[in-house]
Each structure stands twice: as C-alpha cells, then as structure tokens.
Amino acid sequence: MKNKAVNALIEMGMPADIKGFHYIAEAMELMENEDMPRYWGWMTVLYGRLSEMHDDTPSRVERAIRHAFSIVLTSGYLEAVEKYLTLQKTTNGNLLVTFFLRLSQVGK
C-alpha cells in the first residue's frame, strides 16, 4: 500500500521532499494493517503512531499532512487529484480516508 501511495502522491504533483508526503504514505500502510478508520478517535491514534515513528509531535504530524494536501489541492495536477481525493469537505481525516479507499480500489 505504501508504494501505491507514493506513486499516487507523485502523480498528483506532491513534492516528495516535504514531511507530509512521507507521513501520508506511511499513514496508508498503518491504516491498511491496523484497520484504523473503523473506530472512534483513529486520527489521534494515527498521528500519535506517526509522531513516535519520526520523533515528532502529533500536532506537527497533523500540520505537515494538512500542508501536503493543501499543496496538491491548490497547485497539483487536477485530473490526478480528482482521481484520488475529494475537493469537498477537505479535512485531513476525510482526505486520508478517501485516499485510502481509492488506493484500495487500484488494481482490483
């Protein structure tokens, strides 16, 4: 799942040298392996796990992910962005779940 995420993020035009890029790719792997979106408070757990993996804080992880999504939503390749994300209700949680679900459908 992580490789699919990396390829999709690059396809959308997200710069690979920002923290949010790597956090989103790793989030997809965590979401797949631990079935996170199925329980209440999963975003808090996700940010906590990512912050532990990178010796960072959950708030910095959240901000980096928000910044990365903001880049592709404002200046990414629109056709690819629409393929993987939604342009409405653009919260981190909504974007992460939408991205995860659409990546899960790729190759099926």
Foldseek 3Di string as FASTA:
>chain_A
DLVLLLVLLVQQPQDPPFPLSNLLSVLLVCCVVVVQVPDPPSLVVSLVVSCVVVVHHSVVNLVSNLVRVVCSLVPTDVVSCVQQADNPPDHSVRRSVSNSVSSVPPPD
